[in-house]
Amino acid sequence: MTSLAILLAGYSIFCAISLALTHFRGDQYRDQPWSRSMGLLLLLALAGLQLAHFAWLHLDRPWCAAPPYRIALFAVAPAFFLFSRPVLQPALPPTTGPWLLAHALPVVVSPWLPAGIALPLAFAIGAGYLLWLAHSLYALRFERARFPLEILLLGGVFVIALLAALLGLMQAALPEKWFFSLYAIAIGAAFLLVQTALGGRPQLASEVSEVARAAYANSTLTQVDCAAALAKLDALVREQRIHLDIELSLPALAGRLGLTPHQLSELMNTRLGKGFSRYLRELRIEAAKAMLRDEPSASVLAVGLNVGFTSQSNFYEAFREIEGMTPGQYRKLHSVARD
C-alpha cells in the first residue's frame, strides 16, 4: 500500500503541474478569472500535500506534522468551493467581503491548532463543503444526459472526497502512516479521474457553467421570437461566417442578435441542446475539416488560427474532442480516401 501511495503522490504532483499549464490557461477561463485563480490555488494545495506525503512515506521526513501541511490541508476545501461556485452557480454574485474572510479564517489559524485537533477539524470542514457540492450537483440532475461519462467520473471524485473526509475523522485510530498512505492514494485517484474527464472534454467547466446558468435562471425567453433569433443566428454563420472571428464571445454574439447574454445562453441550451462554447467549437471544427481537405498545403497551425482558435493546443484539444482524432490524422485519412 505504501508503494502505491508513493507512486500516486508523485503522479499527483506532475498532474497538478500539467493541469495548471493546460486546463487553467487564461483563455479557458476568460470570463472567470476568480475561478481560475482558485483552481490554481487548489492544485498548489493538493500538490503540497502530496509532496509532504512523499517525503514522509519515502524519506521519513515528518513534513506532515509541519505548519505548511496544515495550511494546505485547510486550504483544499475552501479553494475547491471558491473555484467551483462560479461554475456551478454562475448567476450568484461572487464571494467577497466577510464571506470570503470566513472561508479563509480556518486556513489562517491552522498553524496554531494542536495536532490532535487539526486533522479531524480540517476533514469535518471539508465534509460541510461536500454537502454544498452535493446540493449543487443535484440541482443539475436533469442535465446529466449531456455529460454522462463526465458526471460518472466526477461522481467518483465526490465519493473519493467523501471517503477521505471520513478517513480524516478516524485518523487517530489508524496505525502510523496508514492514514497518510490512504490519503495520498485518494488524492492520486481523484487526479486520475479528473484528468480523464478533462482529457475527453477540455471545455467541461465552461460547458457546465452555461448549463448551470440556464438551469438556475427563470426563463428569459418569454418575450423573444426564438425561431426568428435562430434564423438570424444561422444567417450570421452562413453569410458572414462570424464563428471564424477569434474575438467572438457570448455577449458580442448576443448583441448582434438583439438579445442579452442570458437570453442567448438559454436559447442555445434549450433549443440547440448545447452551450455557446460547444456550439462555437463545432462550427470551427467543421470549417477546419473543409480546409484540411481542400487545402493540403496549409499547415495545421494555420488552419486552426484561420478558423478562430487562439493556439495549436486549443485546436488539437477541440478537434480530438469532437472528431476523436487529431487534425493530421483527419487530413491523412481523407487524402487517402480521395486518392
C-alpha atoms as a PDB file:
ATOM      1  CA  MET A   1       0.000   0.000   0.000  1.00  0.00           C
ATOM      2  CA  THR A   2       2.849   2.377   0.810  1.00  0.00           C
ATOM      3  CA  SER A   3       4.422   1.826  -2.608  1.00  0.00           C
ATOM      4  CA  LEU A   4       1.116   2.661  -4.339  1.00  0.00           C
ATOM      5  CA  ALA A   5       0.772   5.772  -2.180  1.00  0.00           C
ATOM      6  CA  ILE A   6       4.286   6.943  -3.107  1.00  0.00           C
ATOM      7  CA  LEU A   7       3.614   6.291  -6.799  1.00  0.00           C
ATOM      8  CA  LEU A   8       0.310   8.219  -6.766  1.00  0.00           C
ATOM      9  CA  ALA A   9       1.833  11.056  -4.749  1.00  0.00           C
ATOM     10  CA  GLY A  10       4.436  11.587  -7.452  1.00  0.00           C
ATOM     11  CA  TYR A  11       1.810  11.256 -10.176  1.00  0.00           C
ATOM     12  CA  SER A  12      -0.360  13.871  -8.454  1.00  0.00           C
ATOM     13  CA  ILE A  13       2.440  16.438  -8.370  1.00  0.00           C
ATOM     14  CA  PHE A  14       3.155  16.110 -12.087  1.00  0.00           C
ATOM     15  CA  CYS A  15      -0.577  16.001 -12.863  1.00  0.00           C
ATOM     16  CA  ALA A  16      -1.102  19.259 -10.936  1.00  0.00           C
ATOM     17  CA  ILE A  17       1.636  20.927 -12.992  1.00  0.00           C
ATOM     18  CA  SER A  18       0.108  19.596 -16.213  1.00  0.00           C
ATOM     19  CA  LEU A  19      -3.385  20.847 -15.341  1.00  0.00           C
ATOM     20  CA  ALA A  20      -2.023  24.258 -14.351  1.00  0.00           C
ATOM     21  CA  LEU A  21      -0.279  24.632 -17.713  1.00  0.00           C
ATOM     22  CA  THR A  22      -3.080  23.233 -19.883  1.00  0.00           C
ATOM     23  CA  HIS A  23      -6.559  23.352 -18.390  1.00  0.00           C
ATOM     24  CA  PHE A  24      -6.078  26.507 -16.301  1.00  0.00           C
ATOM     25  CA  ARG A  25      -4.770  28.711 -19.102  1.00  0.00           C
ATOM     26  CA  GLY A  26      -6.197  32.226 -19.219  1.00  0.00           C
ATOM     27  CA  ASP A  27      -8.213  31.583 -22.390  1.00  0.00           C
ATOM     28  CA  GLN A  28     -10.011  28.662 -20.735  1.00  0.00           C
ATOM     29  CA  TYR A  29     -11.407  30.931 -18.004  1.00  0.00           C
ATOM     30  CA  ARG A  30     -11.574  34.222 -19.890  1.00  0.00           C
ATOM     31  CA  ASP A  31     -14.819  35.251 -18.140  1.00  0.00           C
ATOM     32  CA  GLN A  32     -13.997  33.603 -14.796  1.00  0.00           C
ATOM     33  CA  PRO A  33     -10.584  34.857 -13.591  1.00  0.00           C
ATOM     34  CA  TRP A  34     -11.528  34.331  -9.929  1.00  0.00           C
ATOM     35  CA  SER A  35     -12.457  30.701 -10.579  1.00  0.00           C
ATOM     36  CA  ARG A  36      -9.167  30.180 -12.430  1.00  0.00           C
ATOM     37  CA  SER A  37      -7.157  31.678  -9.534  1.00  0.00           C
ATOM     38  CA  MET A  38      -8.877  29.431  -7.002  1.00  0.00           C
ATOM     39  CA  GLY A  39      -8.362  26.421  -9.244  1.00  0.00           C
ATOM     40  CA  LEU A  40      -4.634  27.114  -9.357  1.00  0.00           C
ATOM     41  CA  LEU A  41      -4.604  27.559  -5.566  1.00  0.00           C
ATOM     42  CA  LEU A  42      -6.385  24.202  -5.220  1.00  0.00           C
ATOM     43  CA  LEU A  43      -3.762  22.497  -7.397  1.00  0.00           C
ATOM     44  CA  LEU A  44      -0.973  24.116  -5.355  1.00  0.00           C
ATOM     45  CA  ALA A  45      -2.507  22.919  -2.073  1.00  0.00           C
ATOM     46  CA  LEU A  46      -3.024  19.348  -3.328  1.00  0.00           C
ATOM     47  CA  ALA A  47       0.476  19.185  -4.798  1.00  0.00           C
ATOM     48  CA  GLY A  48       1.872  20.450  -1.481  1.00  0.00           C
ATOM     49  CA  LEU A  49       0.010  17.740   0.421  1.00  0.00           C
ATOM     50  CA  GLN A  50       1.292  15.041  -1.919  1.00  0.00           C
ATOM     51  CA  LEU A  51       4.851  16.357  -1.654  1.00  0.00           C
ATOM     52  CA  ALA A  52       4.606  16.079   2.143  1.00  0.00           C
ATOM     53  CA  HIS A  53       3.137  12.574   1.840  1.00  0.00           C
ATOM     54  CA  PHE A  54       6.011  11.541  -0.432  1.00  0.00           C
ATOM     55  CA  ALA A  55       8.579  12.970   1.994  1.00  0.00           C
ATOM     56  CA  TRP A  56       7.015  11.175   4.971  1.00  0.00           C
ATOM     57  CA  LEU A  57       6.325   7.807   3.322  1.00  0.00           C
ATOM     58  CA  HIS A  58       9.508   7.507   1.247  1.00  0.00           C
ATOM     59  CA  LEU A  59      12.106   9.636   3.053  1.00  0.00           C
ATOM     60  CA  ASP A  60      10.773   9.534   6.642  1.00  0.00           C
ATOM     61  CA  ARG A  61      10.754  13.329   6.721  1.00  0.00           C
ATOM     62  CA  PRO A  62       7.973  14.470   9.115  1.00  0.00           C
ATOM     63  CA  TRP A  63       6.627  17.157   6.788  1.00  0.00           C
ATOM     64  CA  CYS A  64       3.066  16.060   7.528  1.00  0.00           C
ATOM     65  CA  ALA A  65       3.476  17.471  11.030  1.00  0.00           C
ATOM     66  CA  ALA A  66       4.702  20.863   9.833  1.00  0.00           C
ATOM     67  CA  PRO A  67       2.539  24.037   9.739  1.00  0.00           C
ATOM     68  CA  PRO A  68       2.643  24.321   5.897  1.00  0.00           C
ATOM     69  CA  TYR A  69       0.969  20.908   5.682  1.00  0.00           C
ATOM     70  CA  ARG A  70      -1.895  22.104   7.876  1.00  0.00           C
ATOM     71  CA  ILE A  71      -2.268  25.282   5.824  1.00  0.00           C
ATOM     72  CA  ALA A  72      -2.520  23.250   2.620  1.00  0.00           C
ATOM     73  CA  LEU A  73      -4.912  20.789   4.258  1.00  0.00           C
ATOM     74  CA  PHE A  74      -7.295  23.524   5.400  1.00  0.00           C
ATOM     75  CA  ALA A  75      -6.982  25.359   2.059  1.00  0.00           C
ATOM     76  CA  VAL A  76      -8.219  22.462  -0.108  1.00  0.00           C
ATOM     77  CA  ALA A  77     -11.941  22.620   0.719  1.00  0.00           C
ATOM     78  CA  PRO A  78     -12.455  26.426   0.545  1.00  0.00           C
ATOM     79  CA  ALA A  79     -10.291  26.666  -2.600  1.00  0.00           C
ATOM     80  CA  PHE A  80     -12.426  23.992  -4.248  1.00  0.00           C
ATOM     81  CA  PHE A  81     -15.609  25.794  -3.183  1.00  0.00           C
ATOM     82  CA  LEU A  82     -14.400  29.175  -4.469  1.00  0.00           C
ATOM     83  CA  PHE A  83     -13.298  27.535  -7.737  1.00  0.00           C
ATOM     84  CA  SER A  84     -16.493  25.577  -8.382  1.00  0.00           C
ATOM     85  CA  ARG A  85     -19.119  28.068  -7.152  1.00  0.00           C
ATOM     86  CA  PRO A  86     -18.815  30.382 -10.210  1.00  0.00           C
ATOM     87  CA  VAL A  87     -19.030  27.267 -12.417  1.00  0.00           C
ATOM     88  CA  LEU A  88     -21.977  25.566 -10.700  1.00  0.00           C
ATOM     89  CA  GLN A  89     -23.836  28.729  -9.623  1.00  0.00           C
ATOM     90  CA  PRO A  90     -22.839  31.393 -12.160  1.00  0.00           C
ATOM     91  CA  ALA A  91     -25.943  33.509 -11.585  1.00  0.00           C
ATOM     92  CA  LEU A  92     -24.976  34.266  -7.961  1.00  0.00           C
ATOM     93  CA  PRO A  93     -22.735  37.218  -7.054  1.00  0.00           C
ATOM     94  CA  PRO A  94     -19.064  36.422  -6.341  1.00  0.00           C
ATOM     95  CA  THR A  95     -17.942  35.580  -2.811  1.00  0.00           C
ATOM     96  CA  THR A  96     -16.411  38.738  -1.350  1.00  0.00           C
ATOM     97  CA  GLY A  97     -16.027  40.681   1.889  1.00  0.00           C
ATOM     98  CA  PRO A  98     -16.930  38.969   5.183  1.00  0.00           C
ATOM     99  CA  TRP A  99     -17.907  35.705   3.475  1.00  0.00           C
ATOM    100  CA  LEU A 100     -14.502  35.437   1.829  1.00  0.00           C
ATOM    101  CA  LEU A 101     -12.817  36.080   5.185  1.00  0.00           C
ATOM    102  CA  ALA A 102     -14.958  33.342   6.749  1.00  0.00           C
ATOM    103  CA  HIS A 103     -13.656  30.852   4.180  1.00  0.00           C
ATOM    104  CA  ALA A 104     -10.067  31.984   4.782  1.00  0.00           C
ATOM    105  CA  LEU A 105     -10.212  32.016   8.615  1.00  0.00           C
ATOM    106  CA  PRO A 106      -9.593  28.271   9.187  1.00  0.00           C
ATOM    107  CA  VAL A 107      -6.594  28.435   6.845  1.00  0.00           C
ATOM    108  CA  VAL A 108      -5.136  31.389   8.760  1.00  0.00           C
ATOM    109  CA  VAL A 109      -5.472  29.813  12.221  1.00  0.00           C
ATOM    110  CA  SER A 110      -4.488  26.276  11.164  1.00  0.00           C
ATOM    111  CA  PRO A 111      -0.745  26.543  12.053  1.00  0.00           C
ATOM    112  CA  TRP A 112      -1.594  27.160  15.709  1.00  0.00           C
ATOM    113  CA  LEU A 113      -4.073  24.312  16.126  1.00  0.00           C
ATOM    114  CA  PRO A 114      -2.982  21.261  18.176  1.00  0.00           C
ATOM    115  CA  ALA A 115      -2.080  18.275  16.008  1.00  0.00           C
ATOM    116  CA  GLY A 116      -4.793  16.118  17.558  1.00  0.00           C
ATOM    117  CA  ILE A 117      -7.462  18.643  16.593  1.00  0.00           C
ATOM    118  CA  ALA A 118      -6.196  19.993  13.278  1.00  0.00           C
ATOM    119  CA  LEU A 119      -6.649  16.941  11.047  1.00  0.00           C
ATOM    120  CA  PRO A 120     -10.155  15.904  12.216  1.00  0.00           C
ATOM    121  CA  LEU A 121     -11.309  19.540  12.108  1.00  0.00           C
ATOM    122  CA  ALA A 122      -9.998  20.027   8.551  1.00  0.00           C
ATOM    123  CA  PHE A 123     -11.895  16.976   7.320  1.00  0.00           C
ATOM    124  CA  ALA A 124     -15.035  17.930   9.237  1.00  0.00           C
ATOM    125  CA  ILE A 125     -14.981  21.321   7.491  1.00  0.00           C
ATOM    126  CA  GLY A 126     -14.361  19.526   4.202  1.00  0.00           C
ATOM    127  CA  ALA A 127     -17.430  17.371   4.765  1.00  0.00           C
ATOM    128  CA  GLY A 128     -19.507  20.547   5.079  1.00  0.00           C
ATOM    129  CA  TYR A 129     -18.269  21.767   1.705  1.00  0.00           C
ATOM    130  CA  LEU A 130     -19.093  18.349   0.228  1.00  0.00           C
ATOM    131  CA  LEU A 131     -22.700  18.785   1.328  1.00  0.00           C
ATOM    132  CA  TRP A 132     -22.839  22.049  -0.625  1.00  0.00           C
ATOM    133  CA  LEU A 133     -21.340  20.314  -3.657  1.00  0.00           C
ATOM    134  CA  ALA A 134     -23.891  17.504  -3.458  1.00  0.00           C
ATOM    135  CA  HIS A 135     -26.740  20.034  -3.323  1.00  0.00           C
ATOM    136  CA  SER A 136     -25.352  21.983  -6.298  1.00  0.00           C
ATOM    137  CA  LEU A 137     -24.882  18.870  -8.429  1.00  0.00           C
ATOM    138  CA  TYR A 138     -28.373  17.629  -7.530  1.00  0.00           C
ATOM    139  CA  ALA A 139     -29.819  20.848  -8.936  1.00  0.00           C
ATOM    140  CA  LEU A 140     -28.268  19.939 -12.312  1.00  0.00           C
ATOM    141  CA  ARG A 141     -29.541  16.344 -12.329  1.00  0.00           C
ATOM    142  CA  PHE A 142     -31.832  16.930 -15.325  1.00  0.00           C
ATOM    143  CA  GLU A 143     -28.821  17.860 -17.474  1.00  0.00           C
ATOM    144  CA  ARG A 144     -26.921  14.619 -16.843  1.00  0.00           C
ATOM    145  CA  ALA A 145     -27.719  13.312 -20.345  1.00  0.00           C
ATOM    146  CA  ARG A 146     -25.278  15.898 -21.769  1.00  0.00           C
ATOM    147  CA  PHE A 147     -22.382  14.805 -19.564  1.00  0.00           C
ATOM    148  CA  PRO A 148     -22.924  11.075 -18.866  1.00  0.00           C
ATOM    149  CA  LEU A 149     -19.292   9.953 -18.692  1.00  0.00           C
ATOM    150  CA  GLU A 150     -18.048  13.189 -17.129  1.00  0.00           C
ATOM    151  CA  ILE A 151     -20.661  13.073 -14.347  1.00  0.00           C
ATOM    152  CA  LEU A 152     -19.757   9.427 -13.685  1.00  0.00           C
ATOM    153  CA  LEU A 153     -16.074  10.320 -13.364  1.00  0.00           C
ATOM    154  CA  LEU A 154     -16.696  13.409 -11.247  1.00  0.00           C
ATOM    155  CA  GLY A 155     -19.118  11.395  -9.149  1.00  0.00           C
ATOM    156  CA  GLY A 156     -16.176   9.099  -8.466  1.00  0.00           C
ATOM    157  CA  VAL A 157     -14.169  12.118  -7.331  1.00  0.00           C
ATOM    158  CA  PHE A 158     -17.023  13.070  -4.986  1.00  0.00           C
ATOM    159  CA  VAL A 159     -17.102   9.565  -3.468  1.00  0.00           C
ATOM    160  CA  ILE A 160     -13.323   9.617  -3.010  1.00  0.00           C
ATOM    161  CA  ALA A 161     -13.544  13.014  -1.289  1.00  0.00           C
ATOM    162  CA  LEU A 162     -16.317  11.744   0.986  1.00  0.00           C
ATOM    163  CA  LEU A 163     -14.295   8.661   1.941  1.00  0.00           C
ATOM    164  CA  ALA A 164     -11.247  10.853   2.572  1.00  0.00           C
ATOM    165  CA  ALA A 165     -13.330  13.059   4.896  1.00  0.00           C
ATOM    166  CA  LEU A 166     -14.494  10.002   6.846  1.00  0.00           C
ATOM    167  CA  LEU A 167     -10.922   8.715   6.914  1.00  0.00           C
ATOM    168  CA  GLY A 168      -9.716  12.019   8.337  1.00  0.00           C
ATOM    169  CA  LEU A 169     -12.198  11.803  11.189  1.00  0.00           C
ATOM    170  CA  MET A 170     -10.815   8.347  12.055  1.00  0.00           C
ATOM    171  CA  GLN A 171      -7.144   9.300  11.675  1.00  0.00           C
ATOM    172  CA  ALA A 172      -6.227   8.903  15.348  1.00  0.00           C
ATOM    173  CA  ALA A 173      -7.451   5.277  15.352  1.00  0.00           C
ATOM    174  CA  LEU A 174      -5.326   4.206  12.365  1.00  0.00           C
ATOM    175  CA  PRO A 175      -1.795   2.729  12.586  1.00  0.00           C
ATOM    176  CA  GLU A 176       1.161   5.032  11.909  1.00  0.00           C
ATOM    177  CA  LYS A 177       1.464   6.120   8.261  1.00  0.00           C
ATOM    178  CA  TRP A 178      -1.715   4.279   7.219  1.00  0.00           C
ATOM    179  CA  PHE A 179      -3.779   7.438   7.160  1.00  0.00           C
ATOM    180  CA  PHE A 180      -1.246   9.325   5.063  1.00  0.00           C
ATOM    181  CA  SER A 181      -0.864   6.381   2.679  1.00  0.00           C
ATOM    182  CA  LEU A 182      -4.618   6.118   2.195  1.00  0.00           C
ATOM    183  CA  TYR A 183      -4.989   9.882   1.842  1.00  0.00           C
ATOM    184  CA  ALA A 184      -2.201  10.017  -0.773  1.00  0.00           C
ATOM    185  CA  ILE A 185      -3.923   7.202  -2.701  1.00  0.00           C
ATOM    186  CA  ALA A 186      -7.263   9.049  -2.533  1.00  0.00           C
ATOM    187  CA  ILE A 187      -5.776  12.297  -3.887  1.00  0.00           C
ATOM    188  CA  GLY A 188      -3.953  10.418  -6.653  1.00  0.00           C
ATOM    189  CA  ALA A 189      -7.118   8.559  -7.678  1.00  0.00           C
ATOM    190  CA  ALA A 190      -9.061  11.827  -7.761  1.00  0.00           C
ATOM    191  CA  PHE A 191      -6.407  13.409 -10.000  1.00  0.00           C
ATOM    192  CA  LEU A 192      -6.616  10.415 -12.340  1.00  0.00           C
ATOM    193  CA  LEU A 193     -10.410  10.722 -12.674  1.00  0.00           C
ATOM    194  CA  VAL A 194     -10.276  14.497 -13.212  1.00  0.00           C
ATOM    195  CA  GLN A 195      -7.511  14.161 -15.808  1.00  0.00           C
ATOM    196  CA  THR A 196      -9.579  11.531 -17.630  1.00  0.00           C
ATOM    197  CA  ALA A 197     -12.701  13.714 -17.608  1.00  0.00           C
ATOM    198  CA  LEU A 198     -10.860  16.794 -18.873  1.00  0.00           C
ATOM    199  CA  GLY A 199      -8.960  14.762 -21.450  1.00  0.00           C
ATOM    200  CA  GLY A 200     -12.228  13.800 -23.086  1.00  0.00           C
ATOM    201  CA  ARG A 201     -13.890  17.180 -22.610  1.00  0.00           C
ATOM    202  CA  PRO A 202     -11.354  20.010 -22.165  1.00  0.00           C
ATOM    203  CA  GLN A 203     -14.041  22.717 -22.025  1.00  0.00           C
ATOM    204  CA  LEU A 204     -16.027  20.915 -19.320  1.00  0.00           C
ATOM    205  CA  ALA A 205     -16.015  23.800 -16.819  1.00  0.00           C
ATOM    206  CA  SER A 206     -17.348  26.370 -19.291  1.00  0.00           C
ATOM    207  CA  GLU A 207     -20.000  23.975 -20.618  1.00  0.00           C
ATOM    208  CA  VAL A 208     -21.225  23.118 -17.119  1.00  0.00           C
ATOM    209  CA  SER A 209     -21.300  26.829 -16.277  1.00  0.00           C
ATOM    210  CA  GLU A 210     -23.524  27.582 -19.280  1.00  0.00           C
ATOM    211  CA  VAL A 211     -25.881  24.716 -18.423  1.00  0.00           C
ATOM    212  CA  ALA A 212     -25.997  25.801 -14.767  1.00  0.00           C
ATOM    213  CA  ARG A 213     -26.817  29.381 -15.758  1.00  0.00           C
ATOM    214  CA  ALA A 214     -29.790  28.178 -17.781  1.00  0.00           C
ATOM    215  CA  ALA A 215     -30.894  25.698 -15.110  1.00  0.00           C
ATOM    216  CA  TYR A 216     -30.911  28.184 -12.229  1.00  0.00           C
ATOM    217  CA  ALA A 217     -32.422  31.134 -14.061  1.00  0.00           C
ATOM    218  CA  ASN A 218     -36.085  31.751 -14.711  1.00  0.00           C
ATOM    219  CA  SER A 219     -36.867  31.714 -18.405  1.00  0.00           C
ATOM    220  CA  THR A 220     -35.639  34.852 -20.147  1.00  0.00           C
ATOM    221  CA  LEU A 221     -37.247  33.954 -23.488  1.00  0.00           C
ATOM    222  CA  THR A 222     -40.882  34.798 -22.816  1.00  0.00           C
ATOM    223  CA  GLN A 223     -40.695  37.938 -24.979  1.00  0.00           C
ATOM    224  CA  VAL A 224     -38.257  36.526 -27.562  1.00  0.00           C
ATOM    225  CA  ASP A 225     -39.178  35.207 -31.009  1.00  0.00           C
ATOM    226  CA  CYS A 226     -36.964  32.132 -30.731  1.00  0.00           C
ATOM    227  CA  ALA A 227     -37.468  30.950 -34.311  1.00  0.00           C
ATOM    228  CA  ALA A 228     -36.514  34.355 -35.715  1.00  0.00           C
ATOM    229  CA  ALA A 229     -33.475  34.590 -33.424  1.00  0.00           C
ATOM    230  CA  LEU A 230     -32.257  31.143 -34.507  1.00  0.00           C
ATOM    231  CA  ALA A 231     -32.799  32.029 -38.178  1.00  0.00           C
ATOM    232  CA  LYS A 232     -30.759  35.213 -37.715  1.00  0.00           C
ATOM    233  CA  LEU A 233     -28.037  33.223 -35.971  1.00  0.00           C
ATOM    234  CA  ASP A 234     -27.937  30.753 -38.858  1.00  0.00           C
ATOM    235  CA  ALA A 235     -27.679  33.614 -41.360  1.00  0.00           C
ATOM    236  CA  LEU A 236     -24.775  35.188 -39.443  1.00  0.00           C
ATOM    237  CA  VAL A 237     -22.959  31.865 -39.547  1.00  0.00           C
ATOM    238  CA  ARG A 238     -23.649  31.053 -43.223  1.00  0.00           C
ATOM    239  CA  GLU A 239     -23.361  34.503 -44.757  1.00  0.00           C
ATOM    240  CA  GLN A 240     -20.924  36.373 -42.503  1.00  0.00           C
ATOM    241  CA  ARG A 241     -19.076  33.390 -41.002  1.00  0.00           C
ATOM    242  CA  ILE A 242     -18.893  35.135 -37.666  1.00  0.00           C
ATOM    243  CA  HIS A 243     -17.733  31.939 -35.968  1.00  0.00           C
ATOM    244  CA  LEU A 244     -14.299  32.456 -37.539  1.00  0.00           C
ATOM    245  CA  ASP A 245     -13.807  35.679 -35.562  1.00  0.00           C
ATOM    246  CA  ILE A 246     -11.199  34.900 -32.912  1.00  0.00           C
ATOM    247  CA  GLU A 247     -12.672  37.589 -30.615  1.00  0.00           C
ATOM    248  CA  LEU A 248     -16.263  36.316 -30.791  1.00  0.00           C
ATOM    249  CA  SER A 249     -17.811  35.992 -27.328  1.00  0.00           C
ATOM    250  CA  LEU A 250     -21.232  35.221 -25.929  1.00  0.00           C
ATOM    251  CA  PRO A 251     -22.007  38.904 -25.141  1.00  0.00           C
ATOM    252  CA  ALA A 252     -20.801  40.029 -28.588  1.00  0.00           C
ATOM    253  CA  LEU A 253     -22.932  37.460 -30.414  1.00  0.00           C
ATOM    254  CA  ALA A 254     -25.920  38.244 -28.203  1.00  0.00           C
ATOM    255  CA  GLY A 255     -25.600  41.921 -29.154  1.00  0.00           C
ATOM    256  CA  ARG A 256     -25.622  41.019 -32.865  1.00  0.00           C
ATOM    257  CA  LEU A 257     -28.872  39.117 -32.304  1.00  0.00           C
ATOM    258  CA  GLY A 258     -30.517  41.800 -30.158  1.00  0.00           C
ATOM    259  CA  LEU A 259     -30.516  39.518 -27.104  1.00  0.00           C
ATOM    260  CA  THR A 260     -28.938  39.596 -23.674  1.00  0.00           C
ATOM    261  CA  PRO A 261     -26.173  37.049 -22.932  1.00  0.00           C
ATOM    262  CA  HIS A 262     -28.543  35.166 -20.604  1.00  0.00           C
ATOM    263  CA  GLN A 263     -31.197  35.011 -23.306  1.00  0.00           C
ATOM    264  CA  LEU A 264     -28.751  33.675 -25.889  1.00  0.00           C
ATOM    265  CA  SER A 265     -27.350  31.141 -23.422  1.00  0.00           C
ATOM    266  CA  GLU A 266     -30.846  29.870 -22.602  1.00  0.00           C
ATOM    267  CA  LEU A 267     -31.842  29.854 -26.272  1.00  0.00           C
ATOM    268  CA  MET A 268     -28.871  27.688 -27.223  1.00  0.00           C
ATOM    269  CA  ASN A 269     -29.231  25.307 -24.304  1.00  0.00           C
ATOM    270  CA  THR A 270     -32.977  24.803 -24.687  1.00  0.00           C
ATOM    271  CA  ARG A 271     -33.338  24.885 -28.497  1.00  0.00           C
ATOM    272  CA  LEU A 272     -29.973  23.586 -29.719  1.00  0.00           C
ATOM    273  CA  GLY A 273     -29.111  21.324 -26.809  1.00  0.00           C
ATOM    274  CA  LYS A 274     -25.640  22.807 -26.368  1.00  0.00           C
ATOM    275  CA  GLY A 275     -23.969  25.841 -24.849  1.00  0.00           C
ATOM    276  CA  PHE A 276     -22.247  28.676 -26.664  1.00  0.00           C
ATOM    277  CA  SER A 277     -18.707  27.299 -26.296  1.00  0.00           C
ATOM    278  CA  ARG A 278     -19.658  23.869 -27.641  1.00  0.00           C
ATOM    279  CA  TYR A 279     -21.674  25.412 -30.494  1.00  0.00           C
ATOM    280  CA  LEU A 280     -18.753  27.634 -31.473  1.00  0.00           C
ATOM    281  CA  ARG A 281     -16.217  24.804 -31.328  1.00  0.00           C
ATOM    282  CA  GLU A 282     -18.363  22.582 -33.532  1.00  0.00           C
ATOM    283  CA  LEU A 283     -18.706  25.296 -36.179  1.00  0.00           C
ATOM    284  CA  ARG A 284     -14.988  25.983 -36.150  1.00  0.00           C
ATOM    285  CA  ILE A 285     -14.133  22.293 -36.413  1.00  0.00           C
ATOM    286  CA  GLU A 286     -16.457  21.948 -39.433  1.00  0.00           C
ATOM    287  CA  ALA A 287     -14.663  24.865 -41.088  1.00  0.00           C
ATOM    288  CA  ALA A 288     -11.299  23.328 -40.197  1.00  0.00           C
ATOM    289  CA  LYS A 289     -12.279  19.980 -41.717  1.00  0.00           C
ATOM    290  CA  ALA A 290     -13.096  21.687 -45.006  1.00  0.00           C
ATOM    291  CA  MET A 291      -9.723  23.486 -45.016  1.00  0.00           C
ATOM    292  CA  LEU A 292      -7.843  20.282 -44.154  1.00  0.00           C
ATOM    293  CA  ARG A 293      -9.489  18.519 -47.099  1.00  0.00           C
ATOM    294  CA  ASP A 294      -9.332  21.347 -49.630  1.00  0.00           C
ATOM    295  CA  GLU A 295      -6.002  22.999 -48.773  1.00  0.00           C
ATOM    296  CA  PRO A 296      -3.409  20.223 -48.319  1.00  0.00           C
ATOM    297  CA  SER A 297      -0.517  22.700 -48.340  1.00  0.00           C
ATOM    298  CA  ALA A 298      -1.845  24.698 -45.363  1.00  0.00           C
ATOM    299  CA  SER A 299      -0.189  23.820 -42.052  1.00  0.00           C
ATOM    300  CA  VAL A 300      -2.319  22.505 -39.202  1.00  0.00           C
ATOM    301  CA  LEU A 301      -1.466  25.618 -37.149  1.00  0.00           C
ATOM    302  CA  ALA A 302      -2.557  27.904 -39.991  1.00  0.00           C
ATOM    303  CA  VAL A 303      -5.841  26.006 -40.299  1.00  0.00           C
ATOM    304  CA  GLY A 304      -6.547  26.314 -36.589  1.00  0.00           C
ATOM    305  CA  LEU A 305      -5.796  30.037 -36.485  1.00  0.00           C
ATOM    306  CA  ASN A 306      -7.848  30.674 -39.645  1.00  0.00           C
ATOM    307  CA  VAL A 307     -10.976  29.126 -38.160  1.00  0.00           C
ATOM    308  CA  GLY A 308     -10.798  31.079 -34.896  1.00  0.00           C
ATOM    309  CA  PHE A 309      -8.724  29.090 -32.414  1.00  0.00           C
ATOM    310  CA  THR A 310      -6.154  31.002 -30.371  1.00  0.00           C
ATOM    311  CA  SER A 311      -3.435  28.344 -30.360  1.00  0.00           C
ATOM    312  CA  GLN A 312      -2.498  24.993 -31.815  1.00  0.00           C
ATOM    313  CA  SER A 313      -3.098  23.256 -28.477  1.00  0.00           C
ATOM    314  CA  ASN A 314      -6.656  24.616 -28.282  1.00  0.00           C
ATOM    315  CA  PHE A 315      -7.284  23.484 -31.847  1.00  0.00           C
ATOM    316  CA  TYR A 316      -5.949  19.980 -31.196  1.00  0.00           C
ATOM    317  CA  GLU A 317      -7.990  19.617 -27.990  1.00  0.00           C
ATOM    318  CA  ALA A 318     -11.230  20.678 -29.667  1.00  0.00           C
ATOM    319  CA  PHE A 319     -10.626  18.583 -32.790  1.00  0.00           C
ATOM    320  CA  ARG A 320      -9.822  15.461 -30.791  1.00  0.00           C
ATOM    321  CA  GLU A 321     -12.828  16.041 -28.524  1.00  0.00           C
ATOM    322  CA  ILE A 322     -15.305  16.373 -31.403  1.00  0.00           C
ATOM    323  CA  GLU A 323     -13.810  14.107 -34.101  1.00  0.00           C
ATOM    324  CA  GLY A 324     -11.947  11.575 -31.968  1.00  0.00           C
ATOM    325  CA  MET A 325      -8.686  12.105 -33.874  1.00  0.00           C
ATOM    326  CA  THR A 326      -6.074  14.778 -34.489  1.00  0.00           C
ATOM    327  CA  PRO A 327      -6.287  17.219 -37.430  1.00  0.00           C
ATOM    328  CA  GLY A 328      -3.284  15.499 -39.019  1.00  0.00           C
ATOM    329  CA  GLN A 329      -4.941  12.101 -38.787  1.00  0.00           C
ATOM    330  CA  TYR A 330      -8.134  13.506 -40.289  1.00  0.00           C
ATOM    331  CA  ARG A 331      -6.246  15.052 -43.200  1.00  0.00           C
ATOM    332  CA  LYS A 332      -4.306  11.834 -43.854  1.00  0.00           C
ATOM    333  CA  LEU A 333      -7.482   9.744 -43.722  1.00  0.00           C
ATOM    334  CA  HIS A 334      -9.277  11.938 -46.236  1.00  0.00           C
ATOM    335  CA  SER A 335      -6.285  12.314 -48.543  1.00  0.00           C
ATOM    336  CA  VAL A 336      -6.062   8.514 -48.740  1.00  0.00           C
ATOM    337  CA  ALA A 337      -9.790   8.264 -49.413  1.00  0.00           C
ATOM    338  CA  ARG A 338      -9.525  10.878 -52.161  1.00  0.00           C
ATOM    339  CA  ASP A 339      -6.638   9.025 -53.825  1.00  0.00           C
END
